[in-house]
Amino acid sequence: MALALDATTLTDRFTVLCISVLYRGCAIPVAWKLLREGEKGAWKPYWQALFTALQGRVPKGWTVIVLADRGLYAPWLFHCIQSLGWHPFLRINLGGKVRPLGTEHFVWLHTLVPQPGSSWCGVVDCFVEKTVRCTLLACWEEGYADPWLILTDLAPEVGSVVWYSMRAWIEGGFKDTKRGGWQWHQTKMTDPARASRLWLAIAVATLWVVSVGGEADATLSESRVGSVTRTAYRPAYCHQAVTTTAAELLCTRAAARLRGRAHSTTTAARSLYSRAVAHDDAGPSAIDQGTLAGTTSDASIFGCRSCISPGRSMTKNLPVKDSVGE
């Protein structure tokens, strides 16, 4: 399973810190924190709270990679992901130094991939200060301005730098919440706690429509599926099936509350979204925060098992080499 974390903004009102499940070019939010735009202070405690909320939600034995862009890299984030039993897959900037395993001196990262068309992978001690022992996957493809430099704890023969291409899906997910889909940018809300409940509705709605799309894909012939799905990130050795139920498994007790209110799986997401929008200008007493959010305002997670019928979960291959699944 692949997760991505990133931040997005809404004009001058909100900054949203979000962790999403990546699936078939889409990003399904599973944990988020809304802050007032320009709010001072480090994001570290918020990210830690979101990861803590997700702890124990993924079945044992699953391989989970967590992708983040270079603006979010920090040693504590690398170790935080590892503490959950997951695998960091974090991009870093070109300006640092590493010491390849078995060598005595640190070298500049740019010397490992000096020009387009070059690549390198191996175990390194990354950075002179706050050193992290990890695997570096480096690749500079022709036609691109900068190389990808990815830090992970997977062995060099296991990880593939091409997996990082999935990180872009969370950018598409943010577009889906705004003009590309749920029109989040139209909200008049100014209170982060209330806007967080609207994000719950958006998340459930996203899970529902992706689930419906996955079921539709399952009915297509193999020849048609090959023509419409994205395959650039899938090497030949893919084998580990990941289902959209991953988003369900990353949930809280909010799932049970949502199921109790939904008259049917078909209308549940629409109803939640309509109610949240209708309450844009309502007072706090008009919204049952416990029912819709099911978590503290510091870390919101959703779960909606009723959005997918039992036994009908859709599969998607995550590019993990055979040695990972053994």
C-alpha atoms as a PDB file:
ATOM      1  CA  MET A   1       0.000   0.000   0.000  1.00  0.00           C
ATOM      2  CA  ALA A   2       1.223   3.499  -0.793  1.00  0.00           C
ATOM      3  CA  LEU A   3       0.522   6.560   1.354  1.00  0.00           C
ATOM      4  CA  ALA A   4       1.484  10.149   0.625  1.00  0.00           C
ATOM      5  CA  LEU A   5       1.613  13.192   2.860  1.00  0.00           C
ATOM      6  CA  ASP A   6       1.527  16.791   1.736  1.00  0.00           C
ATOM      7  CA  ALA A   7       0.074  20.197   2.533  1.00  0.00           C
ATOM      8  CA  THR A   8      -2.365  22.302   0.557  1.00  0.00           C
ATOM      9  CA  THR A   9      -3.832  25.762   1.128  1.00  0.00           C
ATOM     10  CA  LEU A  10      -7.190  27.427   0.590  1.00  0.00           C
ATOM     11  CA  THR A  11      -6.670  31.102  -0.268  1.00  0.00           C
ATOM     12  CA  ASP A  12      -5.701  32.975   2.883  1.00  0.00           C
ATOM     13  CA  ARG A  13      -7.846  30.914   5.266  1.00  0.00           C
ATOM     14  CA  PHE A  14      -6.580  27.371   5.716  1.00  0.00           C
ATOM     15  CA  THR A  15      -3.563  25.141   5.438  1.00  0.00           C
ATOM     16  CA  VAL A  16      -4.469  21.448   5.275  1.00  0.00           C
ATOM     17  CA  LEU A  17      -1.954  18.774   6.326  1.00  0.00           C
ATOM     18  CA  CYS A  18      -3.113  15.542   4.758  1.00  0.00           C
ATOM     19  CA  ILE A  19      -2.186  11.859   4.552  1.00  0.00           C
ATOM     20  CA  SER A  20      -3.852   9.943   1.720  1.00  0.00           C
ATOM     21  CA  VAL A  21      -4.061   6.400   0.403  1.00  0.00           C
ATOM     22  CA  LEU A  22      -2.877   6.338  -3.219  1.00  0.00           C
ATOM     23  CA  TYR A  23      -4.994   4.266  -5.590  1.00  0.00           C
ATOM     24  CA  ARG A  24      -5.217   4.184  -9.388  1.00  0.00           C
ATOM     25  CA  GLY A  25      -4.118   7.772  -9.881  1.00  0.00           C
ATOM     26  CA  CYS A  26      -6.347   9.006  -7.032  1.00  0.00           C
ATOM     27  CA  ALA A  27      -5.672  10.027  -3.436  1.00  0.00           C
ATOM     28  CA  ILE A  28      -8.184   9.133  -0.706  1.00  0.00           C
ATOM     29  CA  PRO A  29      -7.694  11.289   2.442  1.00  0.00           C
ATOM     30  CA  VAL A  30      -7.463   9.206   5.611  1.00  0.00           C
ATOM     31  CA  ALA A  31      -5.990  11.689   8.105  1.00  0.00           C
ATOM     32  CA  TRP A  32      -5.856  15.470   8.059  1.00  0.00           C
ATOM     33  CA  LYS A  33      -5.350  18.568  10.169  1.00  0.00           C
ATOM     34  CA  LEU A  34      -6.636  22.027   9.273  1.00  0.00           C
ATOM     35  CA  LEU A  35      -4.730  25.092  10.413  1.00  0.00           C
ATOM     36  CA  ARG A  36      -5.384  28.755   9.936  1.00  0.00           C
ATOM     37  CA  GLU A  37      -3.291  30.036   7.054  1.00  0.00           C
ATOM     38  CA  GLY A  38      -0.201  31.763   8.386  1.00  0.00           C
ATOM     39  CA  GLU A  39      -0.496  30.138  11.812  1.00  0.00           C
ATOM     40  CA  LYS A  40       2.897  30.214  13.467  1.00  0.00           C
ATOM     41  CA  GLY A  41       4.614  27.114  14.772  1.00  0.00           C
ATOM     42  CA  ALA A  42       6.160  23.897  13.489  1.00  0.00           C
ATOM     43  CA  TRP A  43       4.073  21.247  11.757  1.00  0.00           C
ATOM     44  CA  LYS A  44       5.959  18.413  13.417  1.00  0.00           C
ATOM     45  CA  PRO A  45       3.477  17.796  16.283  1.00  0.00           C
ATOM     46  CA  TYR A  46       0.549  17.771  13.862  1.00  0.00           C
ATOM     47  CA  TRP A  47       2.162  15.224  11.541  1.00  0.00           C
ATOM     48  CA  GLN A  48       3.087  13.096  14.549  1.00  0.00           C
ATOM     49  CA  ALA A  49      -0.509  13.199  15.791  1.00  0.00           C
ATOM     50  CA  LEU A  50      -1.807  12.126  12.387  1.00  0.00           C
ATOM     51  CA  PHE A  51       0.589   9.179  12.220  1.00  0.00           C
ATOM     52  CA  THR A  52      -0.274   8.220  15.798  1.00  0.00           C
ATOM     53  CA  ALA A  53      -3.955   8.187  14.855  1.00  0.00           C
ATOM     54  CA  LEU A  54      -3.200   5.775  12.001  1.00  0.00           C
ATOM     55  CA  GLN A  55      -1.106   3.453  14.151  1.00  0.00           C
ATOM     56  CA  GLY A  56      -2.397  -0.124  14.170  1.00  0.00           C
ATOM     57  CA  ARG A  57      -4.933   0.491  11.389  1.00  0.00           C
ATOM     58  CA  VAL A  58      -3.064  -1.470   8.716  1.00  0.00           C
ATOM     59  CA  PRO A  59      -3.094  -5.292   8.899  1.00  0.00           C
ATOM     60  CA  LYS A  60       0.151  -6.946   9.874  1.00  0.00           C
ATOM     61  CA  GLY A  61       2.111  -8.275   6.951  1.00  0.00           C
ATOM     62  CA  TRP A  62       1.184  -5.441   4.615  1.00  0.00           C
ATOM     63  CA  THR A  63       4.029  -3.562   2.955  1.00  0.00           C
ATOM     64  CA  VAL A  64       3.424   0.181   3.324  1.00  0.00           C
ATOM     65  CA  ILE A  65       5.526   2.893   1.716  1.00  0.00           C
ATOM     66  CA  VAL A  66       5.054   6.539   2.696  1.00  0.00           C
ATOM     67  CA  LEU A  67       5.961   9.153   0.103  1.00  0.00           C
ATOM     68  CA  ALA A  68       6.692  12.836   0.673  1.00  0.00           C
ATOM     69  CA  ASP A  69       8.253  15.621  -1.361  1.00  0.00           C
ATOM     70  CA  ARG A  70      11.586  17.244  -0.526  1.00  0.00           C
ATOM     71  CA  GLY A  71       9.980  20.178   1.287  1.00  0.00           C
ATOM     72  CA  LEU A  72       8.775  17.858   4.050  1.00  0.00           C
ATOM     73  CA  TYR A  73      11.899  15.739   4.606  1.00  0.00           C
ATOM     74  CA  ALA A  74      13.273  15.641   8.145  1.00  0.00           C
ATOM     75  CA  PRO A  75      15.159  12.947  10.083  1.00  0.00           C
ATOM     76  CA  TRP A  76      12.363  12.760  12.673  1.00  0.00           C
ATOM     77  CA  LEU A  77       9.841  12.040   9.883  1.00  0.00           C
ATOM     78  CA  PHE A  78      12.000   9.206   8.557  1.00  0.00           C
ATOM     79  CA  HIS A  79      12.173   7.621  12.022  1.00  0.00           C
ATOM     80  CA  CYS A  80       8.494   8.302  12.785  1.00  0.00           C
ATOM     81  CA  ILE A  81       7.438   6.313   9.721  1.00  0.00           C
ATOM     82  CA  GLN A  82       9.803   3.498  10.634  1.00  0.00           C
ATOM     83  CA  SER A  83       8.352   3.339  14.157  1.00  0.00           C
ATOM     84  CA  LEU A  84       5.009   2.316  12.631  1.00  0.00           C
ATOM     85  CA  GLY A  85       6.619  -0.578  10.785  1.00  0.00           C
ATOM     86  CA  TRP A  86       6.242   1.260   7.469  1.00  0.00           C
ATOM     87  CA  HIS A  87       8.867   2.288   4.936  1.00  0.00           C
ATOM     88  CA  PRO A  88       9.810   5.945   4.308  1.00  0.00           C
ATOM     89  CA  PHE A  89      10.122   6.970   0.672  1.00  0.00           C
ATOM     90  CA  LEU A  90      11.175  10.588   1.010  1.00  0.00           C
ATOM     91  CA  ARG A  91      12.653  12.872  -1.607  1.00  0.00           C
ATOM     92  CA  ILE A  92      15.528  15.137  -0.579  1.00  0.00           C
ATOM     93  CA  ASN A  93      17.254  18.167  -2.084  1.00  0.00           C
ATOM     94  CA  LEU A  94      20.381  17.935  -4.204  1.00  0.00           C
ATOM     95  CA  GLY A  95      22.507  20.133  -1.962  1.00  0.00           C
ATOM     96  CA  GLY A  96      23.496  17.633   0.742  1.00  0.00           C
ATOM     97  CA  LYS A  97      26.288  15.120   1.260  1.00  0.00           C
ATOM     98  CA  VAL A  98      26.285  11.341   1.717  1.00  0.00           C
ATOM     99  CA  ARG A  99      28.855   8.715   2.596  1.00  0.00           C
ATOM    100  CA  PRO A 100      28.354   5.466   0.658  1.00  0.00           C
ATOM    101  CA  LEU A 101      28.683   2.382   2.826  1.00  0.00           C
ATOM    102  CA  GLY A 102      32.296   1.173   2.913  1.00  0.00           C
ATOM    103  CA  THR A 103      33.844   4.544   2.115  1.00  0.00           C
ATOM    104  CA  GLU A 104      35.504   7.031   4.463  1.00  0.00           C
ATOM    105  CA  HIS A 105      34.476  10.409   3.094  1.00  0.00           C
ATOM    106  CA  PHE A 106      31.244  12.238   2.427  1.00  0.00           C
ATOM    107  CA  VAL A 107      30.560  13.241  -1.177  1.00  0.00           C
ATOM    108  CA  TRP A 108      28.129  15.708  -2.679  1.00  0.00           C
ATOM    109  CA  LEU A 109      24.881  14.172  -3.867  1.00  0.00           C
ATOM    110  CA  HIS A 110      25.210  15.723  -7.307  1.00  0.00           C
ATOM    111  CA  THR A 111      28.352  13.683  -7.954  1.00  0.00           C
ATOM    112  CA  LEU A 112      26.319  10.457  -7.848  1.00  0.00           C
ATOM    113  CA  VAL A 113      23.981  11.565 -10.641  1.00  0.00           C
ATOM    114  CA  PRO A 114      26.027  14.204 -12.470  1.00  0.00           C
ATOM    115  CA  GLN A 115      23.929  14.412 -15.645  1.00  0.00           C
ATOM    116  CA  PRO A 116      20.635  13.366 -17.226  1.00  0.00           C
ATOM    117  CA  GLY A 117      20.549   9.672 -17.992  1.00  0.00           C
ATOM    118  CA  SER A 118      22.513   8.683 -14.861  1.00  0.00           C
ATOM    119  CA  SER A 119      21.333   6.717 -11.821  1.00  0.00           C
ATOM    120  CA  TRP A 120      22.754   5.327  -8.580  1.00  0.00           C
ATOM    121  CA  CYS A 121      21.521   3.273  -5.617  1.00  0.00           C
ATOM    122  CA  GLY A 122      23.134   1.979  -2.455  1.00  0.00           C
ATOM    123  CA  VAL A 123      23.298   2.188   1.331  1.00  0.00           C
ATOM    124  CA  VAL A 124      24.591   5.512   2.631  1.00  0.00           C
ATOM    125  CA  ASP A 125      25.026   7.651   5.693  1.00  0.00           C
ATOM    126  CA  CYS A 126      23.001  10.641   4.612  1.00  0.00           C
ATOM    127  CA  PHE A 127      23.979  14.165   5.678  1.00  0.00           C
ATOM    128  CA  VAL A 128      26.973  15.181   7.764  1.00  0.00           C
ATOM    129  CA  GLU A 129      24.782  16.414  10.608  1.00  0.00           C
ATOM    130  CA  LYS A 130      21.785  14.408  11.863  1.00  0.00           C
ATOM    131  CA  THR A 131      23.073  11.460   9.861  1.00  0.00           C
ATOM    132  CA  VAL A 132      20.609   8.763   8.804  1.00  0.00           C
ATOM    133  CA  ARG A 133      21.740   5.274   7.693  1.00  0.00           C
ATOM    134  CA  CYS A 134      19.443   4.437   4.786  1.00  0.00           C
ATOM    135  CA  THR A 135      19.190   3.455   1.133  1.00  0.00           C
ATOM    136  CA  LEU A 136      19.579   6.191  -1.459  1.00  0.00           C
ATOM    137  CA  LEU A 137      17.795   5.746  -4.787  1.00  0.00           C
ATOM    138  CA  ALA A 138      18.966   8.373  -7.271  1.00  0.00           C
ATOM    139  CA  CYS A 139      17.841   8.822 -10.855  1.00  0.00           C
ATOM    140  CA  TRP A 140      18.055  11.665 -13.375  1.00  0.00           C
ATOM    141  CA  GLU A 141      15.915  10.954 -16.413  1.00  0.00           C
ATOM    142  CA  GLU A 142      16.448  12.654 -19.742  1.00  0.00           C
ATOM    143  CA  GLY A 143      14.271  15.721 -20.214  1.00  0.00           C
ATOM    144  CA  TYR A 144      13.968  16.634 -16.526  1.00  0.00           C
ATOM    145  CA  ALA A 145      15.521  19.621 -14.759  1.00  0.00           C
ATOM    146  CA  ASP A 146      16.414  17.802 -11.533  1.00  0.00           C
ATOM    147  CA  PRO A 147      17.102  14.248 -10.410  1.00  0.00           C
ATOM    148  CA  TRP A 148      15.013  12.256  -7.977  1.00  0.00           C
ATOM    149  CA  LEU A 149      16.909  11.521  -4.751  1.00  0.00           C
ATOM    150  CA  ILE A 150      14.864   9.176  -2.570  1.00  0.00           C
ATOM    151  CA  LEU A 151      15.687   7.984   0.941  1.00  0.00           C
ATOM    152  CA  THR A 152      14.168   4.716   2.167  1.00  0.00           C
ATOM    153  CA  ASP A 153      14.912   1.885   4.562  1.00  0.00           C
ATOM    154  CA  LEU A 154      14.199  -0.753   1.916  1.00  0.00           C
ATOM    155  CA  ALA A 155      17.234  -2.625   0.621  1.00  0.00           C
ATOM    156  CA  PRO A 156      18.658  -1.313  -2.683  1.00  0.00           C
ATOM    157  CA  GLU A 157      17.662  -4.507  -4.500  1.00  0.00           C
ATOM    158  CA  VAL A 158      14.079  -4.213  -3.223  1.00  0.00           C
ATOM    159  CA  GLY A 159      13.090  -0.576  -3.732  1.00  0.00           C
ATOM    160  CA  SER A 160      12.568   1.122  -7.081  1.00  0.00           C
ATOM    161  CA  VAL A 161      12.852   4.866  -7.592  1.00  0.00           C
ATOM    162  CA  VAL A 162       9.955   4.750 -10.065  1.00  0.00           C
ATOM    163  CA  TRP A 163       7.533   4.196  -7.177  1.00  0.00           C
ATOM    164  CA  TYR A 164       8.003   7.842  -6.265  1.00  0.00           C
ATOM    165  CA  SER A 165       5.961   8.779  -9.335  1.00  0.00           C
ATOM    166  CA  MET A 166       2.853   7.838  -7.329  1.00  0.00           C
ATOM    167  CA  ARG A 167       3.416  10.821  -5.054  1.00  0.00           C
ATOM    168  CA  ALA A 168       2.011  13.104  -7.742  1.00  0.00           C
ATOM    169  CA  TRP A 169      -1.370  11.477  -7.209  1.00  0.00           C
ATOM    170  CA  ILE A 170      -1.911  13.414  -3.989  1.00  0.00           C
ATOM    171  CA  GLU A 171      -1.569  16.618  -6.016  1.00  0.00           C
ATOM    172  CA  GLY A 172      -4.364  15.347  -8.231  1.00  0.00           C
ATOM    173  CA  GLY A 173      -6.297  14.508  -5.081  1.00  0.00           C
ATOM    174  CA  PHE A 174      -6.079  18.113  -3.906  1.00  0.00           C
ATOM    175  CA  LYS A 175      -7.398  19.217  -7.288  1.00  0.00           C
ATOM    176  CA  ASP A 176     -10.291  16.772  -6.872  1.00  0.00           C
ATOM    177  CA  THR A 177     -11.241  18.447  -3.586  1.00  0.00           C
ATOM    178  CA  LYS A 178     -11.369  21.824  -5.314  1.00  0.00           C
ATOM    179  CA  ARG A 179     -12.252  22.727  -8.913  1.00  0.00           C
ATOM    180  CA  GLY A 180     -11.755  19.207 -10.191  1.00  0.00           C
ATOM    181  CA  GLY A 181     -14.471  17.702  -8.024  1.00  0.00           C
ATOM    182  CA  TRP A 182     -15.924  18.605  -4.638  1.00  0.00           C
ATOM    183  CA  GLN A 183     -15.603  22.411  -4.907  1.00  0.00           C
ATOM    184  CA  TRP A 184     -13.934  22.759  -1.499  1.00  0.00           C
ATOM    185  CA  HIS A 185     -12.663  26.171  -2.582  1.00  0.00           C
ATOM    186  CA  GLN A 186     -16.260  27.493  -2.590  1.00  0.00           C
ATOM    187  CA  THR A 187     -16.726  27.114   1.167  1.00  0.00           C
ATOM    188  CA  LYS A 188     -17.305  30.240   3.251  1.00  0.00           C
ATOM    189  CA  MET A 189     -16.093  28.559   6.446  1.00  0.00           C
ATOM    190  CA  THR A 190     -13.423  30.265   8.521  1.00  0.00           C
ATOM    191  CA  ASP A 191     -13.275  27.923  11.536  1.00  0.00           C
ATOM    192  CA  PRO A 192     -10.705  25.091  11.044  1.00  0.00           C
ATOM    193  CA  ALA A 193     -12.646  22.704  13.313  1.00  0.00           C
ATOM    194  CA  ARG A 194     -15.826  23.055  11.272  1.00  0.00           C
ATOM    195  CA  ALA A 195     -13.931  22.889   7.974  1.00  0.00           C
ATOM    196  CA  SER A 196     -12.363  19.643   9.201  1.00  0.00           C
ATOM    197  CA  ARG A 197     -15.853  18.106   9.330  1.00  0.00           C
ATOM    198  CA  LEU A 198     -16.414  19.161   5.734  1.00  0.00           C
ATOM    199  CA  TRP A 199     -13.202  17.326   4.872  1.00  0.00           C
ATOM    200  CA  LEU A 200     -14.694  14.216   6.469  1.00  0.00           C
ATOM    201  CA  ALA A 201     -17.585  14.412   4.018  1.00  0.00           C
ATOM    202  CA  ILE A 202     -15.183  14.980   1.118  1.00  0.00           C
ATOM    203  CA  ALA A 203     -13.084  11.998   2.181  1.00  0.00           C
ATOM    204  CA  VAL A 204     -16.062   9.642   2.436  1.00  0.00           C
ATOM    205  CA  ALA A 205     -17.390  10.873  -0.904  1.00  0.00           C
ATOM    206  CA  THR A 206     -13.987  10.342  -2.519  1.00  0.00           C
ATOM    207  CA  LEU A 207     -13.779   6.795  -1.168  1.00  0.00           C
ATOM    208  CA  TRP A 208     -17.267   6.055  -2.479  1.00  0.00           C
ATOM    209  CA  VAL A 209     -16.722   7.310  -6.025  1.00  0.00           C
ATOM    210  CA  VAL A 210     -13.298   5.630  -6.285  1.00  0.00           C
ATOM    211  CA  SER A 211     -14.893   2.390  -5.085  1.00  0.00           C
ATOM    212  CA  VAL A 212     -17.624   2.644  -7.708  1.00  0.00           C
ATOM    213  CA  GLY A 213     -15.000   3.351 -10.362  1.00  0.00           C
ATOM    214  CA  GLY A 214     -12.962   0.370  -9.218  1.00  0.00           C
ATOM    215  CA  GLU A 215     -15.973  -1.899  -9.516  1.00  0.00           C
ATOM    216  CA  ALA A 216     -16.619  -0.564 -13.010  1.00  0.00           C
ATOM    217  CA  ASP A 217     -13.009  -1.260 -13.965  1.00  0.00           C
ATOM    218  CA  ALA A 218     -13.372  -4.809 -12.694  1.00  0.00           C
ATOM    219  CA  THR A 219     -16.075  -5.435 -15.308  1.00  0.00           C
ATOM    220  CA  LEU A 220     -13.935  -4.235 -18.224  1.00  0.00           C
ATOM    221  CA  SER A 221     -12.212  -6.699 -20.501  1.00  0.00           C
ATOM    222  CA  GLU A 222      -8.447  -7.040 -20.094  1.00  0.00           C
ATOM    223  CA  SER A 223      -7.821  -5.331 -23.427  1.00  0.00           C
ATOM    224  CA  ARG A 224      -9.824  -2.270 -22.424  1.00  0.00           C
ATOM    225  CA  VAL A 225      -8.255  -2.028 -18.952  1.00  0.00           C
ATOM    226  CA  GLY A 226      -4.802  -1.909 -20.514  1.00  0.00           C
ATOM    227  CA  SER A 227      -5.795   1.082 -22.610  1.00  0.00           C
ATOM    228  CA  VAL A 228      -7.226   3.230 -19.826  1.00  0.00           C
ATOM    229  CA  THR A 229      -5.145   2.551 -16.713  1.00  0.00           C
ATOM    230  CA  ARG A 230      -1.891   4.202 -15.785  1.00  0.00           C
ATOM    231  CA  THR A 231       0.973   1.745 -16.097  1.00  0.00           C
ATOM    232  CA  ALA A 232       4.107   3.900 -16.115  1.00  0.00           C
ATOM    233  CA  TYR A 233       4.946   3.147 -12.496  1.00  0.00           C
ATOM    234  CA  ARG A 234       4.432  -0.623 -12.704  1.00  0.00           C
ATOM    235  CA  PRO A 235       7.568  -2.705 -13.334  1.00  0.00           C
ATOM    236  CA  ALA A 236       7.242  -6.276 -14.572  1.00  0.00           C
ATOM    237  CA  TYR A 237       7.707  -7.826 -11.142  1.00  0.00           C
ATOM    238  CA  CYS A 238       4.589  -6.328  -9.534  1.00  0.00           C
ATOM    239  CA  HIS A 239       2.669  -8.901  -7.566  1.00  0.00           C
ATOM    240  CA  GLN A 240       1.310  -7.553  -4.292  1.00  0.00           C
ATOM    241  CA  ALA A 241      -2.388  -6.781  -4.569  1.00  0.00           C
ATOM    242  CA  VAL A 242      -3.683  -3.809  -2.600  1.00  0.00           C
ATOM    243  CA  THR A 243      -7.395  -3.112  -2.263  1.00  0.00           C
ATOM    244  CA  THR A 244      -9.366   0.048  -1.767  1.00  0.00           C
ATOM    245  CA  THR A 245     -10.356  -1.427   1.572  1.00  0.00           C
ATOM    246  CA  ALA A 246      -7.013  -0.013   2.738  1.00  0.00           C
ATOM    247  CA  ALA A 247      -8.801   3.294   3.183  1.00  0.00           C
ATOM    248  CA  GLU A 248     -11.476   1.566   5.244  1.00  0.00           C
ATOM    249  CA  LEU A 249      -8.889  -0.054   7.498  1.00  0.00           C
ATOM    250  CA  LEU A 250      -7.415   3.358   8.316  1.00  0.00           C
ATOM    251  CA  CYS A 251     -10.460   4.419  10.282  1.00  0.00           C
ATOM    252  CA  THR A 252     -11.866   5.330  13.691  1.00  0.00           C
ATOM    253  CA  ARG A 253     -15.153   4.713  15.415  1.00  0.00           C
ATOM    254  CA  ALA A 254     -16.595   7.413  13.168  1.00  0.00           C
ATOM    255  CA  ALA A 255     -17.280   4.592  10.723  1.00  0.00           C
ATOM    256  CA  ALA A 256     -19.935   3.050  12.966  1.00  0.00           C
ATOM    257  CA  ARG A 257     -21.584   6.394  13.540  1.00  0.00           C
ATOM    258  CA  LEU A 258     -21.660   7.128   9.825  1.00  0.00           C
ATOM    259  CA  ARG A 259     -23.183   3.735   9.048  1.00  0.00           C
ATOM    260  CA  GLY A 260     -25.939   4.320  11.566  1.00  0.00           C
ATOM    261  CA  ARG A 261     -26.937   7.551   9.857  1.00  0.00           C
ATOM    262  CA  ALA A 262     -26.728   6.374   6.263  1.00  0.00           C
ATOM    263  CA  HIS A 263     -29.919   4.940   4.763  1.00  0.00           C
ATOM    264  CA  SER A 264     -27.974   3.282   1.979  1.00  0.00           C
ATOM    265  CA  THR A 265     -24.407   3.130   0.721  1.00  0.00           C
ATOM    266  CA  THR A 266     -25.427   4.909  -2.459  1.00  0.00           C
ATOM    267  CA  THR A 267     -26.680   8.056  -0.708  1.00  0.00           C
ATOM    268  CA  ALA A 268     -24.396   8.152   2.330  1.00  0.00           C
ATOM    269  CA  ALA A 269     -21.599  10.250   0.863  1.00  0.00           C
ATOM    270  CA  ARG A 270     -23.958  12.631  -0.921  1.00  0.00           C
ATOM    271  CA  SER A 271     -25.944  13.188   2.258  1.00  0.00           C
ATOM    272  CA  LEU A 272     -22.863  13.919   4.352  1.00  0.00           C
ATOM    273  CA  TYR A 273     -21.489  16.343   1.807  1.00  0.00           C
ATOM    274  CA  SER A 274     -24.807  18.186   1.412  1.00  0.00           C
ATOM    275  CA  ARG A 275     -25.253  18.518   5.160  1.00  0.00           C
ATOM    276  CA  ALA A 276     -21.747  19.853   5.677  1.00  0.00           C
ATOM    277  CA  VAL A 277     -22.157  22.473   2.954  1.00  0.00           C
ATOM    278  CA  ALA A 278     -25.582  23.459   4.261  1.00  0.00           C
ATOM    279  CA  HIS A 279     -24.048  24.178   7.655  1.00  0.00           C
ATOM    280  CA  ASP A 280     -21.429  26.596   6.318  1.00  0.00           C
ATOM    281  CA  ASP A 281     -23.043  29.435   8.253  1.00  0.00           C
ATOM    282  CA  ALA A 282     -24.507  27.428  11.126  1.00  0.00           C
ATOM    283  CA  GLY A 283     -23.444  27.877  14.716  1.00  0.00           C
ATOM    284  CA  PRO A 284     -21.392  25.237  16.529  1.00  0.00           C
ATOM    285  CA  SER A 285     -24.490  23.874  18.281  1.00  0.00           C
ATOM    286  CA  ALA A 286     -26.099  23.111  14.917  1.00  0.00           C
ATOM    287  CA  ILE A 287     -23.500  20.498  14.057  1.00  0.00           C
ATOM    288  CA  ASP A 288     -23.005  17.263  15.948  1.00  0.00           C
ATOM    289  CA  GLN A 289     -19.224  17.277  15.969  1.00  0.00           C
ATOM    290  CA  GLY A 290     -18.950  13.925  17.666  1.00  0.00           C
ATOM    291  CA  THR A 291     -21.125  12.252  15.045  1.00  0.00           C
ATOM    292  CA  LEU A 292     -19.413  13.672  11.987  1.00  0.00           C
ATOM    293  CA  ALA A 293     -15.819  13.878  13.128  1.00  0.00           C
ATOM    294  CA  GLY A 294     -15.496  11.063  15.639  1.00  0.00           C
ATOM    295  CA  THR A 295     -12.032  12.333  16.644  1.00  0.00           C
ATOM    296  CA  THR A 296     -10.402  15.292  18.316  1.00  0.00           C
ATOM    297  CA  SER A 297      -9.827  18.461  16.332  1.00  0.00           C
ATOM    298  CA  ASP A 298      -6.104  17.739  16.390  1.00  0.00           C
ATOM    299  CA  ALA A 299      -6.245  14.678  14.151  1.00  0.00           C
ATOM    300  CA  SER A 300      -9.196  13.609  12.012  1.00  0.00           C
ATOM    301  CA  ILE A 301      -9.502  10.197  10.394  1.00  0.00           C
ATOM    302  CA  PHE A 302     -12.416   8.643   8.575  1.00  0.00           C
ATOM    303  CA  GLY A 303     -13.627   5.157   7.918  1.00  0.00           C
ATOM    304  CA  CYS A 304     -16.640   3.998   5.935  1.00  0.00           C
ATOM    305  CA  ARG A 305     -16.815   0.230   5.581  1.00  0.00           C
ATOM    306  CA  SER A 306     -20.360   0.523   4.285  1.00  0.00           C
ATOM    307  CA  CYS A 307     -19.093   2.268   1.145  1.00  0.00           C
ATOM    308  CA  ILE A 308     -17.881  -1.070  -0.229  1.00  0.00           C
ATOM    309  CA  SER A 309     -19.930  -4.248  -0.145  1.00  0.00           C
ATOM    310  CA  PRO A 310     -18.302  -7.219   1.627  1.00  0.00           C
ATOM    311  CA  GLY A 311     -16.335  -9.433  -0.700  1.00  0.00           C
ATOM    312  CA  ARG A 312     -16.319  -6.901  -3.519  1.00  0.00           C
ATOM    313  CA  SER A 313     -13.172  -4.923  -2.808  1.00  0.00           C
ATOM    314  CA  MET A 314     -11.163  -3.860  -5.862  1.00  0.00           C
ATOM    315  CA  THR A 315      -7.507  -4.755  -6.253  1.00  0.00           C
ATOM    316  CA  LYS A 316      -4.582  -2.765  -7.542  1.00  0.00           C
ATOM    317  CA  ASN A 317      -1.002  -3.910  -7.842  1.00  0.00           C
ATOM    318  CA  LEU A 318       1.564  -1.979  -5.838  1.00  0.00           C
ATOM    319  CA  PRO A 319       4.999  -2.305  -7.403  1.00  0.00           C
ATOM    320  CA  VAL A 320       6.813  -4.351  -4.785  1.00  0.00           C
ATOM    321  CA  LYS A 321       9.462  -6.862  -5.788  1.00  0.00           C
ATOM    322  CA  ASP A 322       9.056 -10.534  -4.962  1.00  0.00           C
ATOM    323  CA  SER A 323      11.524 -10.368  -2.085  1.00  0.00           C
ATOM    324  CA  VAL A 324       9.311  -7.889  -0.207  1.00  0.00           C
ATOM    325  CA  GLY A 325       6.341 -10.173  -0.056  1.00  0.00           C
ATOM    326  CA  GLU A 326       8.312 -13.226   1.092  1.00  0.00           C
END
